[in-house]
Amino acid sequence: MNKTDENLKVDNIADKIEKMQRDGNISRAIEICQSAIRQDPTNYALHVQLGDLYLEKHLDIYQPRQYIDEAINEYRIALESDLNSAEIHYKLGVTFYHKGDFEKALNHLGIAIEYDEKHYNAHFMIARILVRKNRLAEAINYLEKSLKYGGNKNSRAHYLAFNLLKLNSRKSFIKTLKAYNHLFKSVLKLPFDKAAQKETFSGINSLKFLLVQMKGHYFEKTMNINEAIELYSQVIEKAPGYVPLYLWLGNAYRAAGRTNDALNEYRMAIWLDPMNITAYKLLCIMFEEQGDYENAIEIYKKLIEMNPDDAVYHSNLANIYYLKGDVKTAVSHYQTAIALNPNQSWTSIIAQTLGYIFHESKENYDAAISAYQSATILNPTDVDIYLSLGSAYYDKGDHSNALNTYRIALEIDPNNARIHCNLGFLLWGKGMIEDAVKEYERAIELDPNYDIAYNNLGVIYLDNLGYIQKAVDNLTKAVQCNGRYALAHYNLGRAMAIKGDNIEAARFLQIALDLNAYTHELDENEIKMKIRELFD
C-alpha cells in the first residue's frame, strides 16, 4: 500500500469516528480510535481525536466521570508532535478546567494565546476562569479580546458578557441595555458556535432532572425522607455524571440524620466536579455543626485557594479560628475580609466583630476602638456599633469619649432603651447619680421588661441613695423579668437582709448561688459568705 492509500485509510477512520461521535456512540468511537492508534501510534491527529472523545465521555452526565486523565494523556502525546500548537494547548487548558486545576488550565490557555493571539476560545476560557476566581477586571480584558477576534463564533463570550453586565445593571438603564444586547447576539451567533451548542444542549439535558428535584423536595418537605433517598439513588444509577444529584442525595441523608452518608455524597460531588463550590460549602456547614473545626478549616482554605478575593470565606474561616481559640489567626482573616470590602454594610459587621475580639479576648482597647470606628464610618446609622464603641471607651477609662459616643447614638435613635441603660451606667460610674437614675427610668419606660435596667437602678437605690423599699421593688422586678439573673437575685438578697427579712434574704441568695453555678456571674465564695452572715 502506497502513502496515498495509507492517508486515505486514516482519513476514512477519522471520518468514521466523527460520524459515530455525532451519532452519540462515543464508546464505540473510542474503541475504533484506540485500535487505529495501535496500528499507527505516531498519528498525532488520532491522539487529539481520542482526547476529544475521552473528554466528551467524561462530561456525559449518563457516564461515570472518570476519563479526564485519559483525555489529558492523549493531548500530551499529541503535543509531542507540535509543541507550538495553540489548538492542543487550548484543548489541554479546557481539560484542566474541567478537572478543576485552574492554574494548569490558565498556563496552557496562556501558551495557546502566545502562539495564536487571535485564539478567541482561549481568551474566552481564561475570562471564564478569572470570573470563577472573582478577578473580574482581568476577566473583562480577555472577554473583550474574545469578542474582538471571535466574529460569529463567539456566542459563549456574548453570554458571559451578558451575565457580567447584568450583575451591575440594577441602577443603570444603559448597562441593562448593553447586557441584553449581548444576550441577543449570543442567541444570534449560537448556530455558528459549536462549543456553545454543546453547552446549551447540556443545559437543556439537565432540565430533565428538574422533575426529579421537585419530586424529591416534596418527599423531604412531607417528611418522606427515605423515599427521597431512594429516588435520588435510582436516578444516580442512570446518570452517574450529573453532579447535583449527589448534592440532593447528601441533603436528604443529612435530613435523615445520616451524617456519614451525607458527607460521602458531598465528597463524591467534589470528586466529580473539583470546583463545585456548593459541595464545599455544604461540607463546611456539616463540619461546623459537628464541631469538627479542623476539617472545616481545611475546606475553607480550599475555597480561599479557589477564590482568594472572596471576603465571606475569610470571614467564615475567621469565625472558626475564633471558636477554636486561635484569636491571632482569626484576627488576620477578619482583617483580610475587611480589606477586600465587598459592601459597606457587610464589612461594618466584620469590623464590629473584629472590635469585639480585641475588646473581649485580647483586651486591646485601642485596637477595638479603631475597629469600631471603622465600622461606624462604613455604617454610620448602626446604633449597636456605637454601643460597642462606647463600652470600649468606658473600659479604657475614657469616660468623656464614651459619653459623647452614647450621645451620638441617642441622636440616631433617641428611643433606644439599651443606649439609655448604657448611658445610665456611665453616669453612675462618674458619680452623677441623679442623672443615672433618670436614664435608667427612661430605659425602663421604653422597655418595661429590661432586667438589667431594673437591677442597676435597684442597686443605686440600695447602695447610693439608701431607699431600701425602692431597691426591693426594682430588684424584684428584675428577677421577675429574668428568672435566671443570678446578680439580680444576689442584690435582692442583700436588700432583704438590710430590710431585716433574713429568711427571704437567704432564699434569694441561695437561688443566686444555684444560678451562678451555670452563669458564673459572681464569686461563689462571696455569696456563701453573705448567707453565713445572715445567721451569725
Protein backbone atom coordinates (compact mmCIF):
# COMPACT_ATOMS: atom_id res chain seq x y z
CA MET A 1 0.00 0.00 0.00
CA ASN A 2 1.47 3.39 -1.01
CA LYS A 3 1.48 6.54 1.08
CA THR A 4 -1.63 7.96 -0.60
CA ASP A 5 -3.61 4.82 0.20
CA GLU A 6 -2.45 4.97 3.82
CA ASN A 7 -3.61 8.58 4.10
CA LEU A 8 -6.97 7.66 2.62
CA LYS A 9 -7.31 4.84 5.11
CA VAL A 10 -6.50 7.17 8.02
CA ASP A 11 -8.94 9.77 6.71
CA ASN A 12 -11.65 7.15 6.41
CA ILE A 13 -11.08 6.05 10.02
CA ALA A 14 -11.20 9.66 11.22
CA ASP A 15 -14.44 10.23 9.29
CA LYS A 16 -15.92 7.04 10.69
CA ILE A 17 -15.01 8.11 14.25
CA GLU A 18 -16.52 11.57 13.72
CA LYS A 19 -19.75 10.03 12.42
CA MET A 20 -20.02 7.78 15.48
CA GLN A 21 -19.30 10.78 17.68
CA ARG A 22 -22.10 12.76 16.05
CA ASP A 23 -24.44 9.80 16.48
CA GLY A 24 -23.61 9.65 20.19
CA ASN A 25 -21.84 6.28 20.05
CA ILE A 26 -18.83 7.57 21.98
CA SER A 27 -17.74 4.26 23.50
CA ARG A 28 -17.56 2.57 20.08
CA ALA A 29 -15.76 5.57 18.62
CA ILE A 30 -13.15 5.33 21.38
CA GLU A 31 -12.62 1.63 20.66
CA ILE A 32 -12.05 2.28 16.94
CA CYS A 33 -9.75 5.22 17.67
CA GLN A 34 -7.71 3.14 20.12
CA SER A 35 -7.43 0.35 17.55
CA ALA A 36 -6.25 2.79 14.87
CA ILE A 37 -3.63 4.25 17.22
CA ARG A 38 -2.29 0.77 17.97
CA GLN A 39 -1.73 0.36 14.25
CA ASP A 40 -0.26 3.84 13.85
CA PRO A 41 0.98 5.17 17.25
CA THR A 42 2.59 8.23 15.66
CA ASN A 43 -0.63 9.52 14.16
CA TYR A 44 -0.98 12.50 16.46
CA ALA A 45 -4.23 13.65 14.86
CA LEU A 46 -5.81 10.44 16.14
CA HIS A 47 -4.45 11.13 19.64
CA VAL A 48 -6.15 14.55 19.55
CA GLN A 49 -9.36 12.91 18.36
CA LEU A 50 -9.16 10.30 21.11
CA GLY A 51 -8.59 13.06 23.67
CA ASP A 52 -11.73 14.80 22.39
CA LEU A 53 -13.68 11.56 22.74
CA TYR A 54 -12.47 10.94 26.29
CA LEU A 55 -13.37 14.49 27.32
CA GLU A 56 -16.81 14.22 25.78
CA LYS A 57 -17.42 10.91 27.54
CA HIS A 58 -16.16 12.40 30.82
CA LEU A 59 -18.67 15.26 30.53
CA ASP A 60 -21.58 12.98 29.56
CA ILE A 61 -23.94 13.02 32.54
CA TYR A 62 -25.03 9.47 31.73
CA GLN A 63 -21.46 8.19 32.14
CA PRO A 64 -19.23 7.98 35.21
CA ARG A 65 -16.84 10.94 35.26
CA GLN A 66 -13.55 9.07 35.08
CA TYR A 67 -11.98 9.84 31.72
CA ILE A 68 -10.38 13.24 32.29
CA ASP A 69 -6.86 11.91 32.88
CA GLU A 70 -7.08 9.80 29.72
CA ALA A 71 -8.00 12.91 27.73
CA ILE A 72 -5.05 14.84 29.19
CA ASN A 73 -2.70 11.98 28.38
CA GLU A 74 -3.81 11.84 24.73
CA TYR A 75 -3.45 15.60 24.27
CA ARG A 76 0.03 15.47 25.81
CA ILE A 77 1.08 12.73 23.40
CA ALA A 78 -0.24 14.81 20.51
CA LEU A 79 1.63 17.85 21.83
CA GLU A 80 4.94 15.97 21.41
CA SER A 81 4.50 16.26 17.66
CA ASP A 82 3.97 20.02 17.76
CA LEU A 83 4.88 21.85 20.96
CA ASN A 84 3.79 25.13 19.38
CA SER A 85 0.24 24.00 18.64
CA ALA A 86 -2.12 26.64 20.00
CA GLU A 87 -5.10 24.34 19.50
CA ILE A 88 -3.66 21.45 21.53
CA HIS A 89 -2.64 23.80 24.32
CA TYR A 90 -6.19 25.18 24.24
CA LYS A 91 -7.64 21.66 24.49
CA LEU A 92 -5.35 20.89 27.42
CA GLY A 93 -6.46 24.13 29.08
CA VAL A 94 -10.12 23.19 28.69
CA THR A 95 -9.46 19.70 30.07
CA PHE A 96 -7.63 21.01 33.12
CA TYR A 97 -10.50 23.47 33.62
CA HIS A 98 -12.95 20.58 33.81
CA LYS A 99 -10.57 18.76 36.16
CA GLY A 100 -10.64 21.79 38.45
CA ASP A 101 -6.94 22.61 38.10
CA PHE A 102 -7.30 26.28 37.17
CA GLU A 103 -3.60 27.11 37.37
CA LYS A 104 -2.59 24.47 34.81
CA ALA A 105 -5.60 25.47 32.71
CA LEU A 106 -4.52 29.12 32.71
CA ASN A 107 -0.96 28.11 31.87
CA HIS A 108 -1.94 26.13 28.75
CA LEU A 109 -4.52 28.71 27.66
CA GLY A 110 -1.89 31.44 28.04
CA ILE A 111 0.51 29.45 25.85
CA ALA A 112 -2.24 28.99 23.26
CA ILE A 113 -2.60 32.78 23.06
CA GLU A 114 1.18 33.22 22.80
CA TYR A 115 1.17 31.01 19.69
CA ASP A 116 -2.09 32.41 18.34
CA GLU A 117 -3.01 35.84 19.65
CA LYS A 118 -6.41 35.65 17.93
CA HIS A 119 -7.44 32.34 19.54
CA TYR A 120 -10.81 33.68 20.73
CA ASN A 121 -11.79 30.47 22.51
CA ALA A 122 -8.60 30.58 24.61
CA HIS A 123 -9.35 34.20 25.52
CA PHE A 124 -12.89 33.19 26.45
CA MET A 125 -11.80 30.28 28.65
CA ILE A 126 -9.33 32.46 30.53
CA ALA A 127 -12.12 35.00 31.08
CA ARG A 128 -14.42 32.24 32.36
CA ILE A 129 -11.78 31.01 34.84
CA LEU A 130 -11.00 34.53 36.06
CA VAL A 131 -14.70 35.11 36.67
CA ARG A 132 -14.76 31.94 38.77
CA LYS A 133 -11.80 33.34 40.71
CA ASN A 134 -13.61 36.69 41.13
CA ARG A 135 -10.92 38.57 39.20
CA LEU A 136 -13.48 40.46 37.17
CA ALA A 137 -11.34 43.32 35.82
CA GLU A 138 -8.86 40.86 34.28
CA ALA A 139 -11.70 38.67 33.02
CA ILE A 140 -13.29 41.57 31.14
CA ASN A 141 -9.99 42.29 29.38
CA TYR A 142 -9.80 38.73 28.00
CA LEU A 143 -13.51 38.70 27.24
CA GLU A 144 -13.19 41.82 25.11
CA LYS A 145 -10.44 40.13 23.08
CA SER A 146 -12.58 37.04 22.61
CA LEU A 147 -15.40 39.23 21.33
CA LYS A 148 -12.96 41.10 19.08
CA TYR A 149 -11.47 38.00 17.43
CA GLY A 150 -14.41 35.58 17.57
CA GLY A 151 -16.64 37.00 14.86
CA ASN A 152 -19.77 34.92 14.52
CA LYS A 153 -18.34 32.05 16.56
CA ASN A 154 -18.29 33.68 19.98
CA SER A 155 -21.81 33.06 21.27
CA ARG A 156 -20.38 31.95 24.63
CA ALA A 157 -18.40 35.17 25.03
CA HIS A 158 -21.51 37.27 24.47
CA TYR A 159 -23.44 35.22 27.01
CA LEU A 160 -20.70 35.65 29.61
CA ALA A 161 -20.65 39.40 28.89
CA PHE A 162 -24.43 39.44 29.41
CA ASN A 163 -24.08 37.83 32.85
CA LEU A 164 -21.26 40.15 33.94
CA LEU A 165 -23.11 43.29 32.87
CA LYS A 166 -26.33 42.07 34.45
CA LEU A 167 -24.59 41.87 37.83
CA ASN A 168 -24.02 45.65 37.83
CA SER A 169 -27.00 46.82 35.80
CA ARG A 170 -29.65 47.24 38.52
CA LYS A 171 -29.28 51.01 38.74
CA SER A 172 -28.24 51.70 35.16
CA PHE A 173 -30.57 51.56 32.19
CA ILE A 174 -27.61 51.83 29.78
CA LYS A 175 -25.86 48.81 31.33
CA THR A 176 -29.09 46.84 31.24
CA LEU A 177 -29.48 47.68 27.55
CA LYS A 178 -25.89 46.62 26.84
CA ALA A 179 -26.37 43.38 28.77
CA TYR A 180 -29.43 42.36 26.75
CA ASN A 181 -27.68 43.38 23.55
CA HIS A 182 -25.04 40.74 24.38
CA LEU A 183 -27.77 38.21 25.13
CA PHE A 184 -29.37 38.90 21.74
CA LYS A 185 -26.01 38.47 19.97
CA SER A 186 -25.36 35.27 21.92
CA VAL A 187 -28.58 33.76 20.60
CA LEU A 188 -27.95 35.11 17.09
CA LYS A 189 -24.47 33.55 16.91
CA LEU A 190 -25.37 30.23 18.53
CA PRO A 191 -25.71 28.36 15.18
CA PHE A 192 -22.07 29.22 14.37
CA ASP A 193 -20.52 28.30 17.74
CA LYS A 194 -20.20 24.53 18.19
CA ALA A 195 -18.87 24.79 21.75
CA ALA A 196 -21.84 26.96 22.70
CA GLN A 197 -24.22 24.48 21.09
CA LYS A 198 -22.75 21.66 23.18
CA GLU A 199 -23.06 23.65 26.39
CA THR A 200 -26.62 24.70 25.51
CA PHE A 201 -27.57 21.09 24.78
CA SER A 202 -26.01 20.02 28.08
CA GLY A 203 -28.07 22.69 29.88
CA ILE A 204 -31.27 21.55 28.18
CA ASN A 205 -30.40 17.96 29.07
CA SER A 206 -30.13 18.99 32.72
CA LEU A 207 -33.72 20.25 32.67
CA LYS A 208 -34.81 16.62 32.56
CA PHE A 209 -33.80 16.36 36.20
CA LEU A 210 -35.95 19.28 37.31
CA LEU A 211 -38.91 16.97 37.90
CA VAL A 212 -36.67 14.66 39.95
CA GLN A 213 -35.58 17.59 42.10
CA MET A 214 -39.16 18.78 42.61
CA LYS A 215 -40.38 15.29 43.50
CA GLY A 216 -37.50 14.73 45.91
CA HIS A 217 -38.08 18.14 47.50
CA TYR A 218 -41.74 17.24 48.00
CA PHE A 219 -40.75 13.98 49.72
CA GLU A 220 -38.41 15.89 52.04
CA LYS A 221 -40.99 18.54 52.91
CA THR A 222 -43.59 15.86 53.71
CA MET A 223 -41.01 14.03 55.86
CA ASN A 224 -40.81 11.07 53.49
CA ILE A 225 -37.02 11.24 53.57
CA ASN A 226 -36.44 7.58 52.71
CA GLU A 227 -38.50 7.98 49.52
CA ALA A 228 -36.35 10.96 48.55
CA ILE A 229 -33.17 8.98 49.20
CA GLU A 230 -34.43 6.07 47.10
CA LEU A 231 -35.46 8.39 44.26
CA TYR A 232 -32.09 10.16 44.08
CA SER A 233 -30.18 6.88 44.36
CA GLN A 234 -32.11 5.32 41.48
CA VAL A 235 -31.55 8.35 39.22
CA ILE A 236 -27.81 8.40 40.04
CA GLU A 237 -27.54 4.84 38.74
CA LYS A 238 -28.92 6.07 35.39
CA ALA A 239 -26.99 9.36 35.27
CA PRO A 240 -23.84 8.95 37.42
CA GLY A 241 -22.24 12.04 35.89
CA TYR A 242 -24.92 14.54 36.92
CA VAL A 243 -23.31 16.19 39.94
CA PRO A 244 -26.36 17.97 41.50
CA LEU A 245 -27.91 14.56 42.19
CA TYR A 246 -25.18 13.81 44.73
CA LEU A 247 -25.85 17.11 46.49
CA TRP A 248 -29.59 16.41 46.64
CA LEU A 249 -28.93 12.91 47.97
CA GLY A 250 -26.47 14.31 50.52
CA ASN A 251 -29.08 16.82 51.69
CA ALA A 252 -31.64 14.03 52.08
CA TYR A 253 -29.18 11.93 54.09
CA ARG A 254 -28.47 14.97 56.25
CA ALA A 255 -32.20 15.48 56.88
CA ALA A 256 -32.42 11.81 57.89
CA GLY A 257 -29.55 12.25 60.36
CA ARG A 258 -27.23 10.01 58.35
CA THR A 259 -24.22 12.27 58.69
CA ASN A 260 -21.53 10.00 57.26
CA ASP A 261 -23.64 9.17 54.20
CA ALA A 262 -24.25 12.87 53.60
CA LEU A 263 -20.53 13.64 53.86
CA ASN A 264 -19.74 10.86 51.39
CA GLU A 265 -22.19 12.26 48.83
CA TYR A 266 -20.79 15.79 49.12
CA ARG A 267 -17.27 14.39 48.73
CA MET A 268 -18.44 12.42 45.70
CA ALA A 269 -19.76 15.62 44.14
CA ILE A 270 -16.36 17.24 44.66
CA TRP A 271 -14.58 14.23 43.18
CA LEU A 272 -16.76 14.53 40.07
CA ASP A 273 -16.51 18.32 39.96
CA PRO A 274 -13.47 19.59 41.93
CA MET A 275 -14.67 23.19 41.58
CA ASN A 276 -18.19 22.59 42.93
CA ILE A 277 -18.50 25.49 45.38
CA THR A 278 -21.88 24.33 46.70
CA ALA A 279 -20.48 20.94 47.71
CA TYR A 280 -17.60 22.56 49.59
CA LYS A 281 -19.99 24.91 51.40
CA LEU A 282 -22.26 22.03 52.42
CA LEU A 283 -19.26 20.14 53.76
CA CYS A 284 -18.26 23.20 55.78
CA ILE A 285 -21.73 23.51 57.28
CA MET A 286 -21.71 19.86 58.34
CA PHE A 287 -18.23 20.03 59.84
CA GLU A 288 -19.16 23.16 61.78
CA GLU A 289 -22.36 21.52 63.05
CA GLN A 290 -20.29 18.58 64.28
CA GLY A 291 -17.71 20.84 65.89
CA ASP A 292 -15.08 19.39 63.54
CA TYR A 293 -13.19 22.66 63.19
CA GLU A 294 -10.04 21.12 61.71
CA ASN A 295 -11.86 19.74 58.67
CA ALA A 296 -13.94 22.91 58.33
CA ILE A 297 -10.72 24.94 58.27
CA GLU A 298 -9.25 22.75 55.55
CA ILE A 299 -12.34 23.15 53.38
CA TYR A 300 -12.38 26.94 53.80
CA LYS A 301 -8.69 27.04 52.91
CA LYS A 302 -9.54 25.18 49.71
CA LEU A 303 -12.34 27.64 48.95
CA ILE A 304 -9.97 30.56 49.53
CA GLU A 305 -7.37 28.91 47.29
CA MET A 306 -10.02 28.69 44.57
CA ASN A 307 -11.26 32.23 45.16
CA PRO A 308 -8.75 34.25 47.23
CA ASP A 309 -10.70 37.51 46.90
CA ASP A 310 -13.92 36.24 48.49
CA ALA A 311 -14.26 38.15 51.76
CA VAL A 312 -17.03 35.85 53.04
CA TYR A 313 -14.72 32.82 53.02
CA HIS A 314 -12.11 34.73 55.02
CA SER A 315 -14.77 35.89 57.48
CA ASN A 316 -16.20 32.38 57.94
CA LEU A 317 -12.72 30.95 58.40
CA ALA A 318 -12.02 33.64 60.98
CA ASN A 319 -15.18 32.64 62.88
CA ILE A 320 -13.96 29.04 63.08
CA TYR A 321 -10.48 30.03 64.22
CA TYR A 322 -12.07 32.20 66.92
CA LEU A 323 -14.29 29.32 68.11
CA LYS A 324 -11.20 27.11 68.10
CA GLY A 325 -9.42 29.63 70.33
CA ASP A 326 -6.86 30.79 67.75
CA VAL A 327 -7.55 34.51 68.14
CA LYS A 328 -4.41 35.67 66.30
CA THR A 329 -5.27 33.79 63.09
CA ALA A 330 -8.93 34.79 63.40
CA VAL A 331 -7.94 38.47 63.56
CA SER A 332 -5.74 38.06 60.47
CA HIS A 333 -8.61 36.66 58.39
CA TYR A 334 -11.09 39.26 59.69
CA GLN A 335 -8.64 41.97 58.63
CA THR A 336 -8.33 40.37 55.18
CA ALA A 337 -12.13 40.25 54.88
CA ILE A 338 -12.32 43.96 55.74
CA ALA A 339 -9.59 44.81 53.21
CA LEU A 340 -11.49 43.01 50.44
CA ASN A 341 -14.60 45.09 51.31
CA PRO A 342 -17.39 43.62 49.11
CA ASN A 343 -20.01 46.01 50.50
CA GLN A 344 -20.02 48.56 53.29
CA SER A 345 -22.89 47.18 55.37
CA TRP A 346 -21.40 43.68 55.42
CA THR A 347 -17.88 44.93 56.09
CA SER A 348 -19.08 47.05 59.01
CA ILE A 349 -20.34 43.86 60.69
CA ILE A 350 -16.92 42.24 60.24
CA ALA A 351 -15.19 45.35 61.61
CA GLN A 352 -17.53 45.26 64.61
CA THR A 353 -16.73 41.57 65.15
CA LEU A 354 -13.03 42.36 64.99
CA GLY A 355 -13.56 45.13 67.52
CA TYR A 356 -15.34 42.69 69.84
CA ILE A 357 -12.41 40.25 69.67
CA PHE A 358 -9.88 42.95 70.51
CA HIS A 359 -12.21 44.21 73.25
CA GLU A 360 -13.16 40.95 74.95
CA SER A 361 -10.47 38.40 74.07
CA LYS A 362 -7.33 40.45 73.85
CA GLU A 363 -8.40 43.46 75.94
CA ASN A 364 -6.67 45.67 73.36
CA TYR A 365 -8.91 48.69 73.78
CA ASP A 366 -7.14 50.93 71.28
CA ALA A 367 -7.39 48.29 68.54
CA ALA A 368 -11.02 47.66 69.48
CA ILE A 369 -11.83 51.37 69.31
CA SER A 370 -10.13 51.63 65.92
CA ALA A 371 -12.14 48.68 64.56
CA TYR A 372 -15.42 50.04 65.94
CA GLN A 373 -14.65 53.47 64.46
CA SER A 374 -14.08 51.85 61.05
CA ALA A 375 -17.44 50.14 61.42
CA THR A 376 -19.19 53.47 62.19
CA ILE A 377 -17.67 55.01 59.05
CA LEU A 378 -18.94 52.09 56.95
CA ASN A 379 -22.37 52.11 58.58
CA PRO A 380 -22.92 55.41 60.43
CA THR A 381 -26.54 54.68 61.41
CA ASP A 382 -25.98 51.35 63.20
CA VAL A 383 -26.64 52.04 66.88
CA ASP A 384 -25.13 48.71 68.02
CA ILE A 385 -21.71 49.81 66.78
CA TYR A 386 -21.87 53.00 68.86
CA LEU A 387 -22.88 50.97 71.91
CA SER A 388 -19.83 48.73 71.44
CA LEU A 389 -17.58 51.73 70.82
CA GLY A 390 -18.90 53.46 73.94
CA SER A 391 -18.23 50.32 76.02
CA ALA A 392 -14.67 50.14 74.70
CA TYR A 393 -14.06 53.77 75.65
CA TYR A 394 -15.56 53.13 79.09
CA ASP A 395 -13.40 50.05 79.73
CA LYS A 396 -10.35 52.02 78.64
CA GLY A 397 -11.27 54.67 81.22
CA ASP A 398 -12.02 57.33 78.60
CA HIS A 399 -15.40 58.33 80.03
CA SER A 400 -15.58 61.58 78.08
CA ASN A 401 -15.44 59.86 74.67
CA ALA A 402 -17.79 57.14 75.93
CA LEU A 403 -20.32 59.80 76.89
CA ASN A 404 -20.01 61.54 73.51
CA THR A 405 -20.43 58.21 71.70
CA TYR A 406 -23.63 57.36 73.57
CA ARG A 407 -25.00 60.83 72.84
CA ILE A 408 -24.32 60.35 69.12
CA ALA A 409 -26.20 57.04 69.36
CA LEU A 410 -29.14 58.82 71.03
CA GLU A 411 -29.28 61.32 68.18
CA ILE A 412 -29.72 58.38 65.80
CA ASP A 413 -32.24 56.52 67.96
CA PRO A 414 -33.48 58.55 70.97
CA ASN A 415 -35.96 55.85 71.99
CA ASN A 416 -33.42 53.02 72.26
CA ALA A 417 -33.58 51.53 75.77
CA ARG A 418 -30.09 49.99 75.55
CA ILE A 419 -28.48 53.37 74.90
CA HIS A 420 -30.22 54.92 77.91
CA CYS A 421 -29.19 51.94 80.06
CA ASN A 422 -25.53 52.19 78.97
CA LEU A 423 -25.59 55.92 79.49
CA GLY A 424 -27.04 55.38 82.96
CA PHE A 425 -24.17 53.01 83.80
CA LEU A 426 -21.61 55.56 82.59
CA LEU A 427 -23.17 58.43 84.57
CA TRP A 428 -23.38 56.18 87.63
CA GLY A 429 -19.65 55.46 87.31
CA LYS A 430 -18.94 59.20 87.08
CA GLY A 431 -20.90 59.79 90.32
CA MET A 432 -23.75 61.58 88.55
CA ILE A 433 -26.37 59.59 90.47
CA GLU A 434 -29.43 61.74 89.75
CA ASP A 435 -28.75 61.73 86.00
CA ALA A 436 -28.07 57.99 86.09
CA VAL A 437 -31.45 57.35 87.76
CA LYS A 438 -33.20 59.37 85.05
CA GLU A 439 -31.52 57.35 82.29
CA TYR A 440 -32.44 54.02 83.91
CA GLU A 441 -36.02 55.16 84.41
CA ARG A 442 -36.17 56.20 80.76
CA ALA A 443 -34.77 52.80 79.70
CA ILE A 444 -37.48 51.04 81.75
CA GLU A 445 -40.15 53.34 80.31
CA LEU A 446 -39.06 52.31 76.80
CA ASP A 447 -38.68 48.63 77.70
CA PRO A 448 -40.76 47.55 80.74
CA ASN A 449 -39.01 44.13 80.78
CA TYR A 450 -35.44 45.46 80.84
CA ASP A 451 -33.97 43.31 83.63
CA ILE A 452 -30.51 44.97 83.65
CA ALA A 453 -32.00 48.46 84.00
CA TYR A 454 -34.17 47.31 86.95
CA ASN A 455 -31.18 45.65 88.63
CA ASN A 456 -28.85 48.63 88.25
CA LEU A 457 -31.49 51.10 89.35
CA GLY A 458 -32.21 48.87 92.35
CA VAL A 459 -28.52 48.82 93.32
CA ILE A 460 -28.36 52.64 93.07
CA TYR A 461 -31.34 52.92 95.43
CA LEU A 462 -29.78 50.33 97.73
CA ASP A 463 -26.14 51.40 97.87
CA ASN A 464 -26.09 55.06 96.81
CA LEU A 465 -29.38 56.55 97.95
CA GLY A 466 -30.44 54.23 100.78
CA TYR A 467 -34.03 53.85 99.53
CA ILE A 468 -34.46 50.24 100.61
CA GLN A 469 -38.07 49.68 99.51
CA LYS A 470 -37.44 51.24 96.10
CA ALA A 471 -34.41 48.96 95.79
CA VAL A 472 -36.52 45.90 96.68
CA ASP A 473 -39.24 46.91 94.21
CA ASN A 474 -36.82 47.32 91.31
CA LEU A 475 -34.77 44.21 92.11
CA THR A 476 -37.98 42.16 92.46
CA LYS A 477 -38.96 43.40 89.01
CA ALA A 478 -35.52 42.39 87.68
CA VAL A 479 -35.87 38.75 88.83
CA GLN A 480 -39.44 38.63 87.55
CA CYS A 481 -38.23 39.71 84.12
CA ASN A 482 -35.33 37.25 84.14
CA GLY A 483 -35.60 34.28 86.47
CA ARG A 484 -32.04 33.18 85.65
CA TYR A 485 -30.43 36.51 86.54
CA ALA A 486 -28.03 35.47 89.35
CA LEU A 487 -26.75 39.00 90.06
CA ALA A 488 -30.30 40.39 90.49
CA HIS A 489 -31.17 37.58 92.94
CA TYR A 490 -27.96 38.30 94.86
CA ASN A 491 -28.73 42.02 95.07
CA LEU A 492 -32.32 41.32 96.09
CA GLY A 493 -30.98 39.05 98.82
CA ARG A 494 -28.74 41.87 100.04
CA ALA A 495 -31.68 44.28 100.02
CA MET A 496 -33.84 41.86 102.01
CA ALA A 497 -31.05 41.44 104.55
CA ILE A 498 -30.78 45.21 105.04
CA LYS A 499 -34.56 45.34 105.36
CA GLY A 500 -34.26 42.75 108.14
CA ASP A 501 -36.03 39.83 106.40
CA ASN A 502 -33.27 37.22 106.77
CA ILE A 503 -35.43 34.29 105.63
CA GLU A 504 -36.21 35.93 102.28
CA ALA A 505 -32.64 37.17 102.03
CA ALA A 506 -31.32 33.62 102.46
CA ARG A 507 -33.79 32.31 99.87
CA PHE A 508 -32.73 34.79 97.21
CA LEU A 509 -29.03 34.35 97.99
CA GLN A 510 -29.41 30.57 97.68
CA ILE A 511 -31.14 30.99 94.32
CA ALA A 512 -28.27 33.25 93.26
CA LEU A 513 -25.78 30.57 94.33
CA ASP A 514 -27.62 27.86 92.38
CA LEU A 515 -27.90 30.02 89.25
CA ASN A 516 -24.29 31.11 89.48
CA ALA A 517 -23.17 27.51 89.01
CA TYR A 518 -24.39 27.93 85.40
CA THR A 519 -24.00 31.66 84.71
CA HIS A 520 -20.72 32.32 86.62
CA GLU A 521 -21.65 35.97 87.11
CA LEU A 522 -20.41 36.21 90.70
CA ASP A 523 -17.78 34.98 93.12
CA GLU A 524 -19.29 31.85 94.65
CA ASN A 525 -17.46 32.37 97.97
CA GLU A 526 -18.87 35.88 98.28
CA ILE A 527 -22.45 34.55 98.03
CA LYS A 528 -21.74 31.83 100.61
CA MET A 529 -20.23 34.43 102.95
CA LYS A 530 -23.36 36.59 102.67
CA ILE A 531 -25.54 33.59 103.56
CA ARG A 532 -23.39 32.77 106.61
CA GLU A 533 -23.52 36.38 107.79
CA LEU A 534 -27.33 36.20 107.97
CA PHE A 535 -27.22 33.66 110.79
CA ASP A 536 -24.02 34.60 112.64
